[in-house]
Protein backbone atom coordinates (compact mmCIF):
# COMPACT_ATOMS: atom_id res chain seq x y z
CA MET A 1 0.33 0.10 0.19
CA ASN A 2 1.48 3.40 -0.77
CA HIS A 3 1.19 5.09 2.55
CA ASN A 4 1.05 8.50 0.46
CA GLU A 5 -2.80 7.52 -0.13
CA PRO A 6 -5.28 8.15 2.27
CA VAL A 7 -6.78 5.30 3.76
CA ALA A 8 -10.04 4.38 6.72
CA ALA A 9 -7.92 3.20 9.58
CA ILE A 10 -10.34 0.66 11.63
CA LEU A 11 -9.53 -0.52 14.76
CA ALA A 12 -11.24 -3.28 16.72
CA ALA A 13 -10.14 -4.98 20.51
CA LEU A 14 -11.14 -8.70 20.68
CA ARG A 15 -10.03 -10.79 17.58
CA VAL A 16 -13.73 -11.86 16.61
CA GLU A 17 -13.98 -8.04 16.30
CA ALA A 18 -11.16 -7.15 14.18
CA GLU A 19 -11.73 -10.22 11.80
CA ALA A 20 -15.20 -9.43 11.18
CA VAL A 21 -13.63 -6.29 9.46
CA LYS A 22 -10.99 -8.26 7.75
CA GLU A 23 -12.88 -10.75 6.17
CA ARG A 24 -14.19 -7.74 4.35
CA LEU A 25 -11.07 -6.92 2.80
CA THR A 26 -9.82 -8.19 -0.67
CA ASN A 27 -6.35 -7.88 -1.78
CA ARG A 28 -5.41 -8.24 2.12
CA LYS A 29 -2.05 -8.27 3.03
CA GLU A 30 -0.62 -8.66 6.60
CA HIS A 31 2.08 -6.55 8.41
CA ILE A 32 3.33 -6.56 11.90
CA ILE A 33 4.50 -3.59 13.51
CA GLN A 34 6.16 -3.23 17.05
CA GLY A 35 4.31 -6.94 17.53
CA LEU A 36 1.11 -5.84 16.23
CA ARG A 37 -0.50 -7.31 13.67
CA PHE A 38 -2.09 -4.79 10.89
CA ALA A 39 -4.27 -5.93 7.64
CA THR A 40 -4.27 -3.65 4.41
CA GLY A 41 -6.80 -4.07 1.59
CA LEU A 42 -9.83 -2.52 -0.44
CA MET A 43 -13.26 -2.72 1.22
CA GLY A 44 -15.46 -2.06 -1.72
CA ASP A 45 -12.36 0.23 -3.91
CA LYS A 46 -11.56 2.22 -0.88
CA PRO A 47 -8.02 1.09 0.61
CA CYS A 48 -8.27 0.38 4.07
CA VAL A 49 -5.98 -0.44 7.16
CA VAL A 50 -7.56 -2.77 10.08
CA ALA A 51 -5.97 -3.37 13.14
CA GLN A 52 -6.43 -5.44 16.83
CA SER A 53 -5.60 -3.22 19.70
CA GLY A 54 -6.14 -5.82 22.78
CA VAL A 55 -8.56 -4.59 25.63
CA GLY A 56 -8.39 -1.48 27.16
CA LYS A 57 -7.18 2.16 26.63
CA VAL A 58 -3.74 1.90 26.91
CA ASN A 59 -3.75 -0.60 24.26
CA ALA A 60 -6.27 1.07 22.27
CA ALA A 61 -3.92 4.36 22.59
CA MET A 62 -0.90 1.98 21.37
CA ALA A 63 -2.73 0.85 18.56
CA VAL A 64 -4.08 3.66 17.08
CA THR A 65 -0.95 5.70 17.42
CA LEU A 66 0.92 3.02 15.30
CA LEU A 67 -1.72 3.22 12.98
CA ILE A 68 -1.97 7.03 12.38
CA GLU A 69 2.06 7.32 12.27
CA HIS A 70 2.51 4.15 9.90
CA PHE A 71 -0.43 4.44 7.68
CA LYS A 72 -1.58 8.21 7.67
CA PRO A 73 -5.38 7.94 7.54
CA ARG A 74 -7.60 10.32 7.01
CA GLU A 75 -9.96 8.84 9.33
CA VAL A 76 -9.98 6.27 12.05
CA ILE A 77 -13.07 4.26 13.10
CA CYS A 78 -13.10 2.19 16.33
CA VAL A 79 -15.28 -0.59 15.98
CA GLY A 80 -16.82 -3.80 18.18
CA ALA A 81 -18.98 -4.63 20.73
CA GLY A 82 -20.25 -2.52 24.32
CA GLY A 83 -22.65 -2.92 26.92
CA GLY A 84 -25.72 -1.16 26.29
CA ILE A 85 -26.84 1.00 29.49
CA ASN A 86 -29.65 2.66 27.57
CA PRO A 87 -32.84 1.28 28.46
CA SER A 88 -34.23 1.10 24.82
CA LEU A 89 -30.96 -0.84 23.33
CA PHE A 90 -31.07 -4.47 22.58
CA PRO A 91 -28.19 -7.06 21.59
CA GLY A 92 -27.18 -6.42 17.87
CA ASP A 93 -28.55 -2.36 18.09
CA ILE A 94 -25.76 0.16 17.20
CA VAL A 95 -24.60 3.16 18.83
CA ILE A 96 -22.91 5.87 16.97
CA ALA A 97 -21.16 7.63 19.27
CA GLU A 98 -21.51 11.82 19.23
CA LYS A 99 -19.39 11.99 22.10
CA THR A 100 -17.44 9.92 24.31
CA VAL A 101 -16.25 10.11 28.03
CA GLN A 102 -13.86 8.53 30.32
CA HIS A 103 -15.62 7.51 33.07
CA ASP A 104 -12.65 6.39 35.57
CA TYR A 105 -10.18 9.38 35.09
CA GLY A 106 -10.16 11.53 38.12
CA ILE A 107 -9.88 12.26 41.24
CA LEU A 108 -10.90 9.84 44.36
CA THR A 109 -11.49 11.32 47.93
CA LEU A 110 -13.09 10.69 50.95
CA ASP A 111 -15.92 12.66 49.36
CA GLY A 112 -16.24 10.23 46.57
CA PHE A 113 -14.94 10.00 42.71
CA ARG A 114 -14.92 13.19 40.80
CA VAL A 115 -14.07 12.72 36.93
CA TRP A 116 -11.53 15.14 35.42
CA GLN A 117 -10.61 16.26 31.98
CA THR A 118 -7.98 14.64 30.08
CA TRP A 119 -5.04 16.67 29.56
CA SER A 120 -3.15 16.96 25.91
CA PRO A 121 0.95 16.96 25.73
CA VAL A 122 0.59 18.15 22.46
CA ASN A 123 -0.81 21.59 23.13
CA SER A 124 -0.67 21.71 26.97
CA GLU A 125 -4.57 22.20 27.34
CA LYS A 126 -7.03 20.18 28.38
CA ASN A 127 -9.37 18.10 25.87
CA PRO A 128 -13.08 18.44 26.57
CA LEU A 129 -14.70 15.77 29.21
CA PHE A 130 -17.23 14.65 26.17
CA ILE A 131 -14.47 14.52 23.17
CA PRO A 132 -17.09 14.55 20.01
CA ALA A 133 -17.16 12.53 16.97
CA ASP A 134 -15.60 14.25 13.75
CA THR A 135 -18.63 15.80 12.16
CA LYS A 136 -18.04 14.48 8.47
CA LEU A 137 -17.81 11.06 9.58
CA LEU A 138 -21.04 11.43 11.82
CA GLU A 139 -22.69 12.58 8.79
CA LEU A 140 -20.89 9.45 6.49
CA ALA A 141 -22.55 7.02 9.62
CA GLU A 142 -26.24 8.77 8.91
CA MET A 143 -26.01 8.27 5.45
CA ALA A 144 -24.68 4.64 6.09
CA ALA A 145 -27.69 3.84 8.75
CA CYS A 146 -30.35 4.52 6.12
CA ARG A 147 -29.11 2.04 3.60
CA VAL A 148 -27.18 -0.96 5.46
CA GLU A 149 -29.02 -4.08 5.87
CA LEU A 150 -28.78 -5.92 9.24
CA PRO A 151 -30.16 -9.28 9.95
CA LYS A 152 -32.95 -9.49 12.09
CA ILE A 153 -32.34 -11.37 15.52
CA LYS A 154 -34.76 -12.78 17.73
CA THR A 155 -35.69 -10.74 20.93
CA ASP A 156 -38.43 -11.94 23.14
CA ASN A 157 -39.67 -14.74 20.62
CA ILE A 158 -40.08 -11.31 18.22
CA ASP A 159 -37.55 -11.25 15.06
CA ARG A 160 -36.73 -7.60 14.77
CA THR A 161 -34.13 -5.27 12.92
CA PRO A 162 -31.48 -3.77 14.98
CA ASN A 163 -31.77 -0.28 15.67
CA ILE A 164 -28.83 2.19 15.15
CA ILE A 165 -28.64 5.47 17.40
CA ARG A 166 -26.37 8.23 18.09
CA GLY A 167 -25.45 8.37 21.49
CA VAL A 168 -22.93 8.98 24.37
CA ILE A 169 -20.21 6.04 25.05
CA ALA A 170 -18.44 6.24 28.52
CA THR A 171 -15.15 4.10 28.51
CA GLY A 172 -13.30 3.17 31.68
CA ASP A 173 -10.48 0.18 31.94
CA VAL A 174 -13.11 -2.18 34.00
CA VAL A 175 -15.99 -4.31 32.64
CA VAL A 176 -18.83 -2.96 34.43
CA MET A 177 -21.09 -5.89 35.41
CA ALA A 178 -22.74 -4.03 38.54
CA GLN A 179 -26.22 -2.78 37.52
CA SER A 180 -25.73 0.15 40.06
CA LYS A 181 -22.58 1.21 38.10
CA ARG A 182 -24.58 1.02 35.18
CA THR A 183 -27.48 3.28 36.32
CA GLU A 184 -24.77 5.55 37.56
CA LEU A 185 -22.89 6.14 34.11
CA ARG A 186 -26.50 6.65 32.87
CA GLU A 187 -27.33 9.23 35.09
CA ASP A 188 -23.75 11.37 35.15
CA PHE A 189 -23.52 11.02 31.50
CA LYS A 190 -26.67 10.45 29.81
CA ALA A 191 -24.43 7.46 28.18
CA ASP A 192 -25.85 4.86 26.15
CA ALA A 193 -23.09 2.24 26.43
CA ILE A 194 -19.70 1.52 27.57
CA ASP A 195 -16.97 0.31 26.47
CA MET A 196 -13.12 0.01 27.18
CA GLU A 197 -11.35 1.69 24.22
CA GLY A 198 -13.54 4.25 23.04
CA ALA A 199 -12.77 7.51 24.54
CA ALA A 200 -8.84 6.95 24.69
CA VAL A 201 -9.15 6.31 20.73
CA ALA A 202 -10.99 9.49 20.21
CA GLN A 203 -8.54 11.60 22.55
CA VAL A 204 -5.41 10.14 20.45
CA CYS A 205 -7.30 10.89 17.52
CA ARG A 206 -8.04 14.71 18.85
CA GLN A 207 -4.40 15.37 19.88
CA LEU A 208 -3.00 14.05 16.58
CA GLY A 209 -5.43 15.70 14.37
CA VAL A 210 -7.31 12.90 12.80
CA ALA A 211 -10.86 12.74 12.28
CA GLY A 212 -12.13 9.95 14.58
CA LEU A 213 -15.60 7.97 14.95
CA ILE A 214 -16.84 5.48 17.71
CA ILE A 215 -19.23 2.81 16.87
CA ARG A 216 -20.82 -0.21 19.33
CA SER A 217 -23.07 -2.81 18.68
CA ILE A 218 -24.69 -3.99 21.98
CA SER A 219 -23.50 -7.56 23.14
CA ASP A 220 -24.81 -7.04 26.33
CA THR A 221 -27.56 -5.30 28.52
CA ASP A 222 -27.53 -6.09 32.11
CA GLU A 223 -25.28 -7.81 35.05
CA ASN A 224 -27.22 -10.98 34.44
CA ILE A 225 -24.90 -12.26 31.90
CA ASP A 226 -25.06 -15.66 30.40
CA TRP A 227 -21.73 -16.55 29.26
CA ASP A 228 -22.78 -19.08 26.94
CA ILE A 229 -25.08 -16.35 25.52
CA MET A 230 -22.90 -13.48 25.75
CA LYS A 231 -20.22 -15.64 23.36
CA VAL A 232 -22.97 -15.93 20.79
CA ASN A 233 -24.24 -12.10 21.47
CA LEU A 234 -20.57 -11.00 20.83
CA LYS A 235 -20.34 -12.49 17.35
CA ILE A 236 -23.45 -11.04 16.34
CA ALA A 237 -22.35 -7.39 17.77
CA SER A 238 -19.01 -7.77 15.86
CA GLN A 239 -20.50 -9.02 12.63
CA ASN A 240 -23.28 -5.98 12.80
CA ALA A 241 -20.10 -3.79 13.53
CA ALA A 242 -18.52 -4.98 10.51
CA ARG A 243 -21.48 -4.59 8.37
CA PHE A 244 -21.75 -1.01 9.33
CA VAL A 245 -18.27 -0.13 8.96
CA ALA A 246 -18.20 -1.08 5.41
CA ALA A 247 -21.03 0.84 4.88
CA ILE A 248 -19.57 4.03 6.18
CA VAL A 249 -16.55 3.26 4.32
CA GLU A 250 -18.60 2.89 1.07
CA GLU A 251 -19.66 6.72 1.76
CA VAL A 252 -16.16 8.11 1.97
CA ASP A 253 -15.65 10.37 -0.82
CA ARG A 254 -12.20 9.83 -2.33
């Protein structure tokens, strides 16, 4: 791949999430940079690079920095599964993050925990508490949402087409199982979904001047997780996220 040619960079944390995207590449080639695997190829007629970061904010920040430095993408889209905390969401639904927030970055005192804004070492300024998505990528995601075809999923014995909404994603280096914490994140941040990478990717993109967008397909919605069902839902969420990001890439005008 000619590194001077703009590419869409797609990042996923888990292997099942990344492979669902890689399967959509043609002319696929594998690269290893600092031990991480990157796949380049065409998604439709658009040059793309796909990477698996591993779980958590540090891994995500490392992977997206390598993506940006080595492949010079015009946009970065972070995709994969997430937990739904908006009560209207079900497994397989998709949240387009209008903005992301790190819910576990701050100060803990005897009075409790208070979230802080992150600080950019690039310009010595504070980032917004809620980092907004790139407006053009949001527009493309809205266009893609109108035409992407997602397979129906059985919910409460009813076949339903997964919903796609715009909302808030809260990120932290912790798997949030407790319903009380999920409720708190919903109340404090108006969050629709939770993940472990999105806001970190958004922060790096903002600080390095690259357009960024976070997409999450819902794999679970409460603390009562049946892990066998969760594995099935994770695969469904990964495939839906991959279908949706492919539809977004098709909208990109090069």
